[in-house]
């Protein structure tokens, strides 16, 4: 694992969370759960690592005390980007999930047609 003062271990739990999120959504939508979970994990790991790496490239700490707050800010940004990009990539799952929460459409019961010229029942 990365032993870096800024990036550290943060991309790994982000990737695990994205994998679980994608897998649960795929399970509820009756899609391939493992494939979606692996894709979500890769997406989380790549996006979080890129965001944390770019953050590290732009950050020049003057004191060691500045590292922890910056790490929290960049980690929050990485989580928001993973959530936003993940929401876009799972668009095909949203329709099924949102459609299942709506009540089913009910049709009125069919009334048998009366033959022409039939007398009404009394």
PDB file of N, CA and C in Angstrom:
ATOM      1  N   UNK A   1       0.822  -1.182   0.000  1.00  0.00           N
ATOM      2  CA  UNK A   1       0.000   0.000   0.000  1.00  0.00           C
ATOM      3  C   UNK A   1       0.863   1.241   0.000  1.00  0.00           C
ATOM      4  N   UNK A   2       0.276   2.303  -0.446  1.00  0.00           N
ATOM      5  CA  UNK A   2       0.987   3.577  -0.531  1.00  0.00           C
ATOM      6  C   UNK A   2       1.290   4.120   0.857  1.00  0.00           C
ATOM      7  N   UNK A   3       2.518   4.507   1.067  1.00  0.00           N
ATOM      8  CA  UNK A   3       2.921   5.104   2.333  1.00  0.00           C
ATOM      9  C   UNK A   3       3.252   6.568   2.069  1.00  0.00           C
ATOM     10  N   UNK A   4       2.228   7.326   1.724  1.00  0.00           N
ATOM     11  CA  UNK A   4       2.387   8.711   1.349  1.00  0.00           C
ATOM     12  C   UNK A   4       1.649   9.569   2.358  1.00  0.00           C
ATOM     13  N   UNK A   5       2.192  10.743   2.674  1.00  0.00           N
ATOM     14  CA  UNK A   5       1.596  11.590   3.713  1.00  0.00           C
ATOM     15  C   UNK A   5       0.243  12.139   3.294  1.00  0.00           C
ATOM     16  N   UNK A   6       0.006  12.334   2.014  1.00  0.00           N
ATOM     17  CA  UNK A   6      -1.259  12.928   1.587  1.00  0.00           C
ATOM     18  C   UNK A   6      -2.209  11.869   1.029  1.00  0.00           C
ATOM     19  N   UNK A   7      -1.756  11.056   0.108  1.00  0.00           N
ATOM     20  CA  UNK A   7      -2.653  10.064  -0.488  1.00  0.00           C
ATOM     21  C   UNK A   7      -2.970   8.957   0.516  1.00  0.00           C
ATOM     22  N   UNK A   8      -1.980   8.320   1.034  1.00  0.00           N
ATOM     23  CA  UNK A   8      -2.167   7.298   2.065  1.00  0.00           C
ATOM     24  C   UNK A   8      -3.093   6.178   1.647  1.00  0.00           C
ATOM     25  N   UNK A   9      -3.967   5.781   2.542  1.00  0.00           N
ATOM     26  CA  UNK A   9      -4.860   4.649   2.315  1.00  0.00           C
ATOM     27  C   UNK A   9      -6.257   5.093   1.894  1.00  0.00           C
ATOM     28  N   UNK A  10      -6.488   6.374   1.679  1.00  0.00           N
ATOM     29  CA  UNK A  10      -7.836   6.896   1.422  1.00  0.00           C
ATOM     30  C   UNK A  10      -8.496   6.296   0.171  1.00  0.00           C
ATOM     31  N   UNK A  11      -7.809   6.082  -0.954  1.00  0.00           N
ATOM     32  CA  UNK A  11      -8.512   5.533  -2.124  1.00  0.00           C
ATOM     33  C   UNK A  11      -9.098   4.135  -1.907  1.00  0.00           C
ATOM     34  N   UNK A  12      -8.521   3.352  -1.021  1.00  0.00           N
ATOM     35  CA  UNK A  12      -9.005   1.983  -0.834  1.00  0.00           C
ATOM     36  C   UNK A  12     -10.394   1.915  -0.206  1.00  0.00           C
ATOM     37  N   UNK A  13     -10.685   2.620   0.889  1.00  0.00           N
ATOM     38  CA  UNK A  13     -12.064   2.564   1.388  1.00  0.00           C
ATOM     39  C   UNK A  13     -13.067   3.236   0.446  1.00  0.00           C
ATOM     40  N   UNK A  14     -12.616   4.245  -0.295  1.00  0.00           N
ATOM     41  CA  UNK A  14     -13.503   4.858  -1.283  1.00  0.00           C
ATOM     42  C   UNK A  14     -13.859   3.832  -2.356  1.00  0.00           C
ATOM     43  N   UNK A  15     -12.879   3.070  -2.804  1.00  0.00           N
ATOM     44  CA  UNK A  15     -13.127   2.026  -3.804  1.00  0.00           C
ATOM     45  C   UNK A  15     -14.037   0.929  -3.244  1.00  0.00           C
ATOM     46  N   UNK A  16     -13.816   0.543  -2.007  1.00  0.00           N
ATOM     47  CA  UNK A  16     -14.672  -0.489  -1.392  1.00  0.00           C
ATOM     48  C   UNK A  16     -16.108   0.006  -1.256  1.00  0.00           C
ATOM     49  N   UNK A  17     -16.269   1.256  -0.852  1.00  0.00           N
ATOM     50  CA  UNK A  17     -17.617   1.812  -0.739  1.00  0.00           C
ATOM     51  C   UNK A  17     -18.318   1.896  -2.077  1.00  0.00           C
ATOM     52  N   UNK A  18     -17.590   2.297  -3.117  1.00  0.00           N
ATOM     53  CA  UNK A  18     -18.171   2.364  -4.459  1.00  0.00           C
ATOM     54  C   UNK A  18     -18.540   0.975  -4.954  1.00  0.00           C
ATOM     55  N   UNK A  19     -17.702  -0.009  -4.662  1.00  0.00           N
ATOM     56  CA  UNK A  19     -18.005  -1.382  -5.088  1.00  0.00           C
ATOM     57  C   UNK A  19     -19.276  -1.892  -4.415  1.00  0.00           C
ATOM     58  N   UNK A  20     -19.419  -1.641  -3.142  1.00  0.00           N
ATOM     59  CA  UNK A  20     -20.619  -2.078  -2.423  1.00  0.00           C
ATOM     60  C   UNK A  20     -21.843  -1.349  -2.967  1.00  0.00           C
ATOM     61  N   UNK A  21     -21.712  -0.038  -3.179  1.00  0.00           N
ATOM     62  CA  UNK A  21     -22.831   0.753  -3.695  1.00  0.00           C
ATOM     63  C   UNK A  21     -23.280   0.250  -5.062  1.00  0.00           C
ATOM     64  N   UNK A  22     -22.347   0.043  -5.977  1.00  0.00           N
ATOM     65  CA  UNK A  22     -22.689  -0.440  -7.313  1.00  0.00           C
ATOM     66  C   UNK A  22     -23.287  -1.850  -7.230  1.00  0.00           C
ATOM     67  N   UNK A  23     -22.715  -2.692  -6.395  1.00  0.00           N
ATOM     68  CA  UNK A  23     -23.215  -4.056  -6.268  1.00  0.00           C
ATOM     69  C   UNK A  23     -24.630  -4.112  -5.729  1.00  0.00           C
ATOM     70  N   UNK A  24     -24.937  -3.304  -4.734  1.00  0.00           N
ATOM     71  CA  UNK A  24     -26.286  -3.292  -4.163  1.00  0.00           C
ATOM     72  C   UNK A  24     -27.292  -2.762  -5.176  1.00  0.00           C
ATOM     73  N   UNK A  25     -26.911  -1.717  -5.891  1.00  0.00           N
ATOM     74  CA  UNK A  25     -27.823  -1.187  -6.907  1.00  0.00           C
ATOM     75  C   UNK A  25     -28.082  -2.210  -8.006  1.00  0.00           C
ATOM     76  N   UNK A  26     -27.040  -2.914  -8.412  1.00  0.00           N
ATOM     77  CA  UNK A  26     -27.211  -3.934  -9.450  1.00  0.00           C
ATOM     78  C   UNK A  26     -28.054  -5.096  -8.938  1.00  0.00           C
ATOM     79  N   UNK A  27     -27.882  -5.471  -7.691  1.00  0.00           N
ATOM     80  CA  UNK A  27     -28.674  -6.555  -7.110  1.00  0.00           C
ATOM     81  C   UNK A  27     -30.154  -6.187  -7.088  1.00  0.00           C
ATOM     82  N   UNK A  28     -30.447  -4.941  -6.693  1.00  0.00           N
ATOM     83  CA  UNK A  28     -31.845  -4.505  -6.636  1.00  0.00           C
ATOM     84  C   UNK A  28     -32.462  -4.385  -8.019  1.00  0.00           C
ATOM     85  N   UNK A  29     -31.641  -4.125  -9.027  1.00  0.00           N
ATOM     86  CA  UNK A  29     -32.139  -3.990 -10.396  1.00  0.00           C
ATOM     87  C   UNK A  29     -32.052  -5.299 -11.172  1.00  0.00           C
ATOM     88  N   UNK A  30     -31.697  -6.390 -10.511  1.00  0.00           N
ATOM     89  CA  UNK A  30     -31.570  -7.710 -11.138  1.00  0.00           C
ATOM     90  C   UNK A  30     -30.577  -7.719 -12.292  1.00  0.00           C
ATOM     91  N   UNK A  31     -29.447  -7.070 -12.096  1.00  0.00           N
ATOM     92  CA  UNK A  31     -28.358  -7.078 -13.068  1.00  0.00           C
ATOM     93  C   UNK A  31     -27.207  -7.912 -12.515  1.00  0.00           C
ATOM     94  N   UNK A  32     -26.110  -8.023 -13.261  1.00  0.00           N
ATOM     95  CA  UNK A  32     -24.945  -8.798 -12.845  1.00  0.00           C
ATOM     96  C   UNK A  32     -24.238  -8.066 -11.698  1.00  0.00           C
ATOM     97  N   UNK A  33     -24.420  -8.547 -10.481  1.00  0.00           N
ATOM     98  CA  UNK A  33     -23.921  -7.871  -9.285  1.00  0.00           C
ATOM     99  C   UNK A  33     -22.406  -7.823  -9.252  1.00  0.00           C
ATOM    100  N   UNK A  34     -21.744  -8.903  -9.572  1.00  0.00           N
ATOM    101  CA  UNK A  34     -20.282  -8.957  -9.485  1.00  0.00           C
ATOM    102  C   UNK A  34     -19.648  -8.011 -10.500  1.00  0.00           C
ATOM    103  N   UNK A  35     -20.164  -8.002 -11.699  1.00  0.00           N
ATOM    104  CA  UNK A  35     -19.617  -7.121 -12.726  1.00  0.00           C
ATOM    105  C   UNK A  35     -19.759  -5.649 -12.340  1.00  0.00           C
ATOM    106  N   UNK A  36     -20.922  -5.279 -11.838  1.00  0.00           N
ATOM    107  CA  UNK A  36     -21.140  -3.893 -11.416  1.00  0.00           C
ATOM    108  C   UNK A  36     -20.284  -3.548 -10.202  1.00  0.00           C
ATOM    109  N   UNK A  37     -20.121  -4.480  -9.278  1.00  0.00           N
ATOM    110  CA  UNK A  37     -19.302  -4.210  -8.089  1.00  0.00           C
ATOM    111  C   UNK A  37     -17.835  -4.013  -8.464  1.00  0.00           C
ATOM    112  N   UNK A  38     -17.322  -4.836  -9.347  1.00  0.00           N
ATOM    113  CA  UNK A  38     -15.930  -4.685  -9.796  1.00  0.00           C
ATOM    114  C   UNK A  38     -15.756  -3.354 -10.528  1.00  0.00           C
ATOM    115  N   UNK A  39     -16.699  -3.016 -11.382  1.00  0.00           N
ATOM    116  CA  UNK A  39     -16.640  -1.741 -12.088  1.00  0.00           C
ATOM    117  C   UNK A  39     -16.690  -0.558 -11.134  1.00  0.00           C
ATOM    118  N   UNK A  40     -17.540  -0.635 -10.125  1.00  0.00           N
ATOM    119  CA  UNK A  40     -17.616   0.439  -9.134  1.00  0.00           C
ATOM    120  C   UNK A  40     -16.343   0.559  -8.321  1.00  0.00           C
ATOM    121  N   UNK A  41     -15.747  -0.574  -7.969  1.00  0.00           N
ATOM    122  CA  UNK A  41     -14.489  -0.544  -7.229  1.00  0.00           C
ATOM    123  C   UNK A  41     -13.361   0.076  -8.035  1.00  0.00           C
ATOM    124  N   UNK A  42     -13.295  -0.293  -9.308  1.00  0.00           N
ATOM    125  CA  UNK A  42     -12.260   0.284 -10.172  1.00  0.00           C
ATOM    126  C   UNK A  42     -12.490   1.778 -10.354  1.00  0.00           C
ATOM    127  N   UNK A  43     -13.738   2.165 -10.573  1.00  0.00           N
ATOM    128  CA  UNK A  43     -14.050   3.584 -10.714  1.00  0.00           C
ATOM    129  C   UNK A  43     -13.649   4.358  -9.457  1.00  0.00           C
ATOM    130  N   UNK A  44     -14.015   3.843  -8.288  1.00  0.00           N
ATOM    131  CA  UNK A  44     -13.671   4.520  -7.043  1.00  0.00           C
ATOM    132  C   UNK A  44     -12.175   4.623  -6.829  1.00  0.00           C
ATOM    133  N   UNK A  45     -11.452   3.561  -7.111  1.00  0.00           N
ATOM    134  CA  UNK A  45     -10.005   3.569  -6.916  1.00  0.00           C
ATOM    135  C   UNK A  45      -9.315   4.534  -7.872  1.00  0.00           C
ATOM    136  N   UNK A  46      -9.713   4.519  -9.129  1.00  0.00           N
ATOM    137  CA  UNK A  46      -9.067   5.385 -10.124  1.00  0.00           C
ATOM    138  C   UNK A  46      -9.362   6.851  -9.850  1.00  0.00           C
ATOM    139  N   UNK A  47     -10.636   7.177  -9.651  1.00  0.00           N
ATOM    140  CA  UNK A  47     -10.999   8.586  -9.446  1.00  0.00           C
ATOM    141  C   UNK A  47     -10.401   9.121  -8.149  1.00  0.00           C
ATOM    142  N   UNK A  48     -10.482   8.354  -7.074  1.00  0.00           N
ATOM    143  CA  UNK A  48      -9.930   8.821  -5.798  1.00  0.00           C
ATOM    144  C   UNK A  48      -8.412   8.982  -5.882  1.00  0.00           C
ATOM    145  N   UNK A  49      -7.732   8.077  -6.542  1.00  0.00           N
ATOM    146  CA  UNK A  49      -6.279   8.186  -6.664  1.00  0.00           C
ATOM    147  C   UNK A  49      -5.878   9.386  -7.512  1.00  0.00           C
ATOM    148  N   UNK A  50      -6.604   9.621  -8.599  1.00  0.00           N
ATOM    149  CA  UNK A  50      -6.283  10.783  -9.440  1.00  0.00           C
ATOM    150  C   UNK A  50      -6.528  12.077  -8.674  1.00  0.00           C
ATOM    151  N   UNK A  51      -7.648  12.174  -7.979  1.00  0.00           N
ATOM    152  CA  UNK A  51      -7.953  13.399  -7.232  1.00  0.00           C
ATOM    153  C   UNK A  51      -6.938  13.617  -6.119  1.00  0.00           C
ATOM    154  N   UNK A  52      -6.615  12.566  -5.397  1.00  0.00           N
ATOM    155  CA  UNK A  52      -5.637  12.705  -4.306  1.00  0.00           C
ATOM    156  C   UNK A  52      -4.252  13.037  -4.863  1.00  0.00           C
ATOM    157  N   UNK A  53      -3.884  12.443  -5.981  1.00  0.00           N
ATOM    158  CA  UNK A  53      -2.585  12.734  -6.587  1.00  0.00           C
ATOM    159  C   UNK A  53      -2.487  14.156  -7.104  1.00  0.00           C
ATOM    160  N   UNK A  54      -3.555  14.632  -7.746  1.00  0.00           N
ATOM    161  CA  UNK A  54      -3.553  16.020  -8.209  1.00  0.00           C
ATOM    162  C   UNK A  54      -3.541  16.988  -7.027  1.00  0.00           C
ATOM    163  N   UNK A  55      -4.231  16.620  -5.964  1.00  0.00           N
ATOM    164  CA  UNK A  55      -4.196  17.452  -4.764  1.00  0.00           C
ATOM    165  C   UNK A  55      -2.799  17.518  -4.175  1.00  0.00           C
ATOM    166  N   UNK A  56      -2.119  16.389  -4.160  1.00  0.00           N
ATOM    167  CA  UNK A  56      -0.753  16.364  -3.650  1.00  0.00           C
ATOM    168  C   UNK A  56       0.175  17.184  -4.532  1.00  0.00           C
ATOM    169  N   UNK A  57      -0.059  17.161  -5.832  1.00  0.00           N
ATOM    170  CA  UNK A  57       0.796  17.916  -6.746  1.00  0.00           C
ATOM    171  C   UNK A  57       0.644  19.423  -6.571  1.00  0.00           C
ATOM    172  N   UNK A  58      -0.530  19.862  -6.131  1.00  0.00           N
ATOM    173  CA  UNK A  58      -0.753  21.301  -5.975  1.00  0.00           C
ATOM    174  C   UNK A  58      -0.458  21.806  -4.572  1.00  0.00           C
ATOM    175  N   UNK A  59      -0.163  20.916  -3.644  1.00  0.00           N
ATOM    176  CA  UNK A  59      -0.035  21.294  -2.238  1.00  0.00           C
ATOM    177  C   UNK A  59       1.434  21.345  -1.828  1.00  0.00           C
ATOM    178  N   UNK A  60       1.831  22.475  -1.293  1.00  0.00           N
ATOM    179  CA  UNK A  60       3.176  22.629  -0.746  1.00  0.00           C
ATOM    180  C   UNK A  60       3.020  22.999   0.725  1.00  0.00           C
ATOM    181  N   UNK A  61       3.158  22.030   1.620  1.00  0.00           N
ATOM    182  CA  UNK A  61       2.941  22.338   3.037  1.00  0.00           C
ATOM    183  C   UNK A  61       4.134  23.095   3.634  1.00  0.00           C
ATOM    184  N   UNK A  62       3.807  24.110   4.389  1.00  0.00           N
ATOM    185  CA  UNK A  62       4.849  24.837   5.106  1.00  0.00           C
ATOM    186  C   UNK A  62       5.043  24.252   6.496  1.00  0.00           C
ATOM    187  N   UNK A  63       3.979  23.653   7.036  1.00  0.00           N
ATOM    188  CA  UNK A  63       4.042  23.021   8.349  1.00  0.00           C
ATOM    189  C   UNK A  63       3.400  21.643   8.248  1.00  0.00           C
ATOM    190  N   UNK A  64       3.830  20.735   9.110  1.00  0.00           N
ATOM    191  CA  UNK A  64       3.238  19.397   9.126  1.00  0.00           C
ATOM    192  C   UNK A  64       1.780  19.432   9.569  1.00  0.00           C
ATOM    193  N   UNK A  65       1.383  20.422  10.336  1.00  0.00           N
ATOM    194  CA  UNK A  65       0.005  20.527  10.811  1.00  0.00           C
ATOM    195  C   UNK A  65      -0.967  20.843   9.682  1.00  0.00           C
ATOM    196  N   UNK A  66      -0.487  21.316   8.546  1.00  0.00           N
ATOM    197  CA  UNK A  66      -1.359  21.635   7.417  1.00  0.00           C
ATOM    198  C   UNK A  66      -1.759  20.406   6.613  1.00  0.00           C
ATOM    199  N   UNK A  67      -1.058  19.305   6.808  1.00  0.00           N
ATOM    200  CA  UNK A  67      -1.309  18.119   5.984  1.00  0.00           C
ATOM    201  C   UNK A  67      -2.668  17.488   6.299  1.00  0.00           C
ATOM    202  N   UNK A  68      -3.006  17.313   7.562  1.00  0.00           N
ATOM    203  CA  UNK A  68      -4.252  16.626   7.933  1.00  0.00           C
ATOM    204  C   UNK A  68      -5.507  17.344   7.425  1.00  0.00           C
ATOM    205  N   UNK A  69      -5.659  18.654   7.624  1.00  0.00           N
ATOM    206  CA  UNK A  69      -6.866  19.304   7.083  1.00  0.00           C
ATOM    207  C   UNK A  69      -6.942  19.252   5.553  1.00  0.00           C
ATOM    208  N   UNK A  70      -5.796  19.358   4.909  1.00  0.00           N
ATOM    209  CA  UNK A  70      -5.792  19.287   3.450  1.00  0.00           C
ATOM    210  C   UNK A  70      -6.198  17.901   2.984  1.00  0.00           C
ATOM    211  N   UNK A  71      -5.718  16.888   3.677  1.00  0.00           N
ATOM    212  CA  UNK A  71      -6.076  15.510   3.336  1.00  0.00           C
ATOM    213  C   UNK A  71      -7.575  15.287   3.449  1.00  0.00           C
ATOM    214  N   UNK A  72      -8.181  15.852   4.484  1.00  0.00           N
ATOM    215  CA  UNK A  72      -9.632  15.700   4.674  1.00  0.00           C
ATOM    216  C   UNK A  72     -10.387  16.397   3.544  1.00  0.00           C
ATOM    217  N   UNK A  73      -9.956  17.591   3.166  1.00  0.00           N
ATOM    218  CA  UNK A  73     -10.614  18.321   2.079  1.00  0.00           C
ATOM    219  C   UNK A  73     -10.512  17.566   0.759  1.00  0.00           C
ATOM    220  N   UNK A  74      -9.340  17.063   0.445  1.00  0.00           N
ATOM    221  CA  UNK A  74      -9.155  16.366  -0.825  1.00  0.00           C
ATOM    222  C   UNK A  74      -9.897  15.022  -0.805  1.00  0.00           C
ATOM    223  N   UNK A  75      -9.937  14.353   0.333  1.00  0.00           N
ATOM    224  CA  UNK A  75     -10.688  13.099   0.434  1.00  0.00           C
ATOM    225  C   UNK A  75     -12.179  13.348   0.245  1.00  0.00           C
ATOM    226  N   UNK A  76     -12.696  14.426   0.824  1.00  0.00           N
ATOM    227  CA  UNK A  76     -14.110  14.761   0.632  1.00  0.00           C
ATOM    228  C   UNK A  76     -14.403  15.066  -0.831  1.00  0.00           C
ATOM    229  N   UNK A  77     -13.497  15.779  -1.480  1.00  0.00           N
ATOM    230  CA  UNK A  77     -13.659  16.060  -2.901  1.00  0.00           C
ATOM    231  C   UNK A  77     -13.649  14.772  -3.721  1.00  0.00           C
ATOM    232  N   UNK A  78     -12.758  13.848  -3.380  1.00  0.00           N
ATOM    233  CA  UNK A  78     -12.690  12.567  -4.099  1.00  0.00           C
ATOM    234  C   UNK A  78     -13.985  11.779  -3.917  1.00  0.00           C
ATOM    235  N   UNK A  79     -14.517  11.764  -2.706  1.00  0.00           N
ATOM    236  CA  UNK A  79     -15.763  11.029  -2.451  1.00  0.00           C
ATOM    237  C   UNK A  79     -16.914  11.652  -3.229  1.00  0.00           C
ATOM    238  N   UNK A  80     -16.986  12.982  -3.257  1.00  0.00           N
ATOM    239  CA  UNK A  80     -18.050  13.644  -4.023  1.00  0.00           C
ATOM    240  C   UNK A  80     -17.938  13.363  -5.519  1.00  0.00           C
ATOM    241  N   UNK A  81     -16.718  13.358  -6.034  1.00  0.00           N
ATOM    242  CA  UNK A  81     -16.543  13.053  -7.462  1.00  0.00           C
ATOM    243  C   UNK A  81     -16.892  11.604  -7.780  1.00  0.00           C
ATOM    244  N   UNK A  82     -16.506  10.681  -6.914  1.00  0.00           N
ATOM    245  CA  UNK A  82     -16.863   9.273  -7.137  1.00  0.00           C
ATOM    246  C   UNK A  82     -18.377   9.116  -7.099  1.00  0.00           C
ATOM    247  N   UNK A  83     -19.037   9.791  -6.160  1.00  0.00           N
ATOM    248  CA  UNK A  83     -20.498   9.702  -6.073  1.00  0.00           C
ATOM    249  C   UNK A  83     -21.155  10.312  -7.311  1.00  0.00           C
ATOM    250  N   UNK A  84     -20.669  11.446  -7.755  1.00  0.00           N
ATOM    251  CA  UNK A  84     -21.260  12.080  -8.931  1.00  0.00           C
ATOM    252  C   UNK A  84     -21.048  11.290 -10.202  1.00  0.00           C
ATOM    253  N   UNK A  85     -19.830  10.850 -10.430  1.00  0.00           N
ATOM    254  CA  UNK A  85     -19.539  10.061 -11.632  1.00  0.00           C
ATOM    255  C   UNK A  85     -20.241   8.700 -11.545  1.00  0.00           C
ATOM    256  N   UNK A  86     -20.267   8.121 -10.356  1.00  0.00           N
ATOM    257  CA  UNK A  86     -20.970   6.852 -10.181  1.00  0.00           C
ATOM    258  C   UNK A  86     -22.456   6.977 -10.442  1.00  0.00           C
ATOM    259  N   UNK A  87     -23.049   8.091 -10.028  1.00  0.00           N
ATOM    260  CA  UNK A  87     -24.475   8.308 -10.285  1.00  0.00           C
ATOM    261  C   UNK A  87     -24.745   8.373 -11.792  1.00  0.00           C
ATOM    262  N   UNK A  88     -23.824   8.985 -12.533  1.00  0.00           N
ATOM    263  CA  UNK A  88     -23.992   9.046 -13.985  1.00  0.00           C
ATOM    264  C   UNK A  88     -23.826   7.674 -14.629  1.00  0.00           C
ATOM    265  N   UNK A  89     -22.828   6.902 -14.194  1.00  0.00           N
ATOM    266  CA  UNK A  89     -22.571   5.589 -14.796  1.00  0.00           C
ATOM    267  C   UNK A  89     -23.645   4.562 -14.463  1.00  0.00           C
ATOM    268  N   UNK A  90     -24.343   4.737 -13.356  1.00  0.00           N
ATOM    269  CA  UNK A  90     -25.378   3.772 -12.985  1.00  0.00           C
ATOM    270  C   UNK A  90     -26.753   4.231 -13.431  1.00  0.00           C
ATOM    271  N   UNK A  91     -26.824   5.083 -14.424  1.00  0.00           N
ATOM    272  CA  UNK A  91     -28.106   5.593 -14.902  1.00  0.00           C
ATOM    273  C   UNK A  91     -29.053   4.500 -15.359  1.00  0.00           C
ATOM    274  N   UNK A  92     -28.532   3.442 -15.937  1.00  0.00           N
ATOM    275  CA  UNK A  92     -29.409   2.360 -16.397  1.00  0.00           C
ATOM    276  C   UNK A  92     -30.037   1.609 -15.230  1.00  0.00           C
ATOM    277  N   UNK A  93     -29.417   1.664 -14.070  1.00  0.00           N
ATOM    278  CA  UNK A  93     -29.989   1.008 -12.890  1.00  0.00           C
ATOM    279  C   UNK A  93     -31.035   1.878 -12.212  1.00  0.00           C
ATOM    280  N   UNK A  94     -30.949   3.188 -12.355  1.00  0.00           N
ATOM    281  CA  UNK A  94     -31.879   4.084 -11.675  1.00  0.00           C
ATOM    282  C   UNK A  94     -33.304   3.918 -12.169  1.00  0.00           C
ATOM    283  N   UNK A  95     -33.472   3.727 -13.455  1.00  0.00           N
ATOM    284  CA  UNK A  95     -34.822   3.602 -13.991  1.00  0.00           C
ATOM    285  C   UNK A  95     -35.528   2.401 -13.390  1.00  0.00           C
ATOM    286  N   UNK A  96     -34.823   1.317 -13.234  1.00  0.00           N
ATOM    287  CA  UNK A  96     -35.441   0.136 -12.651  1.00  0.00           C
ATOM    288  C   UNK A  96     -35.730   0.337 -11.172  1.00  0.00           C
ATOM    289  N   UNK A  97     -34.807   0.969 -10.465  1.00  0.00           N
ATOM    290  CA  UNK A  97     -35.010   1.180  -9.041  1.00  0.00           C
ATOM    291  C   UNK A  97     -36.151   2.149  -8.784  1.00  0.00           C
ATOM    292  N   UNK A  98     -36.196   3.236  -9.540  1.00  0.00           N
ATOM    293  CA  UNK A  98     -37.255   4.213  -9.350  1.00  0.00           C
ATOM    294  C   UNK A  98     -38.588   3.684  -9.848  1.00  0.00           C
ATOM    295  N   UNK A  99     -38.571   2.868 -10.883  1.00  0.00           N
ATOM    296  CA  UNK A  99     -39.803   2.299 -11.404  1.00  0.00           C
ATOM    297  C   UNK A  99     -40.423   1.293 -10.449  1.00  0.00           C
ATOM    298  N   UNK A 100     -39.611   0.604  -9.669  1.00  0.00           N
ATOM    299  CA  UNK A 100     -40.155  -0.388  -8.742  1.00  0.00           C
ATOM    300  C   UNK A 100     -40.771   0.259  -7.517  1.00  0.00           C
ATOM    301  N   UNK A 101     -40.471   1.534  -7.252  1.00  0.00           N
ATOM    302  CA  UNK A 101     -41.037   2.193  -6.088  1.00  0.00           C
ATOM    303  C   UNK A 101     -42.407   2.777  -6.372  1.00  0.00           C
ATOM    304  N   UNK A 102     -42.787   2.873  -7.643  1.00  0.00           N
ATOM    305  CA  UNK A 102     -44.093   3.408  -7.996  1.00  0.00           C
ATOM    306  C   UNK A 102     -45.146   2.315  -7.838  1.00  0.00           C
ATOM    307  N   UNK A 103     -46.351   2.698  -7.445  1.00  0.00           N
ATOM    308  CA  UNK A 103     -47.403   1.672  -7.348  1.00  0.00           C
ATOM    309  C   UNK A 103     -47.771   1.172  -8.734  1.00  0.00           C
ATOM    310  N   UNK A 104     -48.147  -0.102  -8.836  1.00  0.00           N
ATOM    311  CA  UNK A 104     -48.485  -0.635 -10.153  1.00  0.00           C
ATOM    312  C   UNK A 104     -49.766   0.025 -10.676  1.00  0.00           C
ATOM    313  N   UNK A 105     -49.823   0.185 -11.978  1.00  0.00           N
ATOM    314  CA  UNK A 105     -51.013   0.750 -12.591  1.00  0.00           C
ATOM    315  C   UNK A 105     -52.121  -0.283 -12.547  1.00  0.00           C
ATOM    316  N   UNK A 106     -53.286   0.126 -12.080  1.00  0.00           N
ATOM    317  CA  UNK A 106     -54.411  -0.800 -12.014  1.00  0.00           C
ATOM    318  C   UNK A 106     -55.385  -0.444 -13.122  1.00  0.00           C
ATOM    319  N   UNK A 107     -55.899  -1.446 -13.758  1.00  0.00           N
ATOM    320  CA  UNK A 107     -56.892  -1.243 -14.804  1.00  0.00           C
ATOM    321  C   UNK A 107     -58.250  -1.600 -14.230  1.00  0.00           C
ATOM    322  N   UNK A 108     -59.268  -0.918 -14.659  1.00  0.00           N
ATOM    323  CA  UNK A 108     -60.604  -1.262 -14.144  1.00  0.00           C
ATOM    324  C   UNK A 108     -60.990  -2.660 -14.610  1.00  0.00           C
ATOM    325  N   UNK A 109     -61.789  -3.352 -13.800  1.00  0.00           N
ATOM    326  CA  UNK A 109     -62.183  -4.710 -14.211  1.00  0.00           C
ATOM    327  C   UNK A 109     -63.019  -4.655 -15.487  1.00  0.00           C
ATOM    328  N   UNK A 110     -62.811  -5.666 -16.306  1.00  0.00           N
ATOM    329  CA  UNK A 110     -63.527  -5.718 -17.568  1.00  0.00           C
ATOM    330  C   UNK A 110     -64.966  -6.154 -17.333  1.00  0.00           C
ATOM    331  N   UNK A 111     -65.863  -5.415 -17.935  1.00  0.00           N
ATOM    332  CA  UNK A 111     -67.285  -5.742 -17.853  1.00  0.00           C
ATOM    333  C   UNK A 111     -67.653  -6.493 -19.124  1.00  0.00           C
ATOM    334  N   UNK A 112     -68.299  -7.662 -18.977  1.00  0.00           N
ATOM    335  CA  UNK A 112     -68.653  -8.396 -20.197  1.00  0.00           C
ATOM    336  C   UNK A 112     -69.640  -7.587 -21.036  1.00  0.00           C
ATOM    337  N   UNK A 113     -69.407  -7.620 -22.305  1.00  0.00           N
ATOM    338  CA  UNK A 113     -70.259  -6.865 -23.232  1.00  0.00           C
ATOM    339  C   UNK A 113     -71.594  -7.564 -23.363  1.00  0.00           C
ATOM    340  N   UNK A 114     -72.665  -6.732 -23.414  1.00  0.00           N
ATOM    341  CA  UNK A 114     -74.006  -7.286 -23.602  1.00  0.00           C
ATOM    342  C   UNK A 114     -74.271  -7.419 -25.108  1.00  0.00           C
ATOM    343  N   UNK A 115     -74.869  -8.515 -25.481  1.00  0.00           N
ATOM    344  CA  UNK A 115     -75.185  -8.643 -26.896  1.00  0.00           C
ATOM    345  C   UNK A 115     -76.262  -7.607 -27.275  1.00  0.00           C
ATOM    346  N   UNK A 116     -76.225  -7.135 -28.504  1.00  0.00           N
ATOM    347  CA  UNK A 116     -77.242  -6.148 -28.886  1.00  0.00           C
ATOM    348  C   UNK A 116     -78.636  -6.731 -28.832  1.00  0.00           C
ATOM    349  N   UNK A 117     -79.569  -5.943 -28.332  1.00  0.00           N
ATOM    350  CA  UNK A 117     -80.952  -6.360 -28.251  1.00  0.00           C
ATOM    351  C   UNK A 117     -81.247  -7.198 -27.031  1.00  0.00           C
ATOM    352  N   UNK A 118     -80.291  -7.378 -26.115  1.00  0.00           N
ATOM    353  CA  UNK A 118     -80.564  -8.182 -24.921  1.00  0.00           C
ATOM    354  C   UNK A 118     -81.345  -7.336 -23.926  1.00  0.00           C
ATOM    355  N   UNK A 119     -82.245  -7.956 -23.245  1.00  0.00           N
ATOM    356  CA  UNK A 119     -83.063  -7.248 -22.253  1.00  0.00           C
ATOM    357  C   UNK A 119     -82.260  -7.040 -20.999  1.00  0.00           C
ATOM    358  N   UNK A 120     -82.423  -5.866 -20.364  1.00  0.00           N
ATOM    359  CA  UNK A 120     -81.684  -5.630 -19.110  1.00  0.00           C
ATOM    360  C   UNK A 120     -82.186  -6.542 -18.010  1.00  0.00           C
ATOM    361  N   UNK A 121     -81.284  -6.926 -17.119  1.00  0.00           N
ATOM    362  CA  UNK A 121     -81.640  -7.802 -15.986  1.00  0.00           C
ATOM    363  C   UNK A 121     -82.411  -7.012 -14.957  1.00  0.00           C
ATOM    364  N   UNK A 122     -83.430  -7.697 -14.366  1.00  0.00           N
ATOM    365  CA  UNK A 122     -84.220  -7.039 -13.327  1.00  0.00           C
ATOM    366  C   UNK A 122     -84.070  -7.737 -12.032  1.00  0.00           C
TER     367      UNK A 122
END
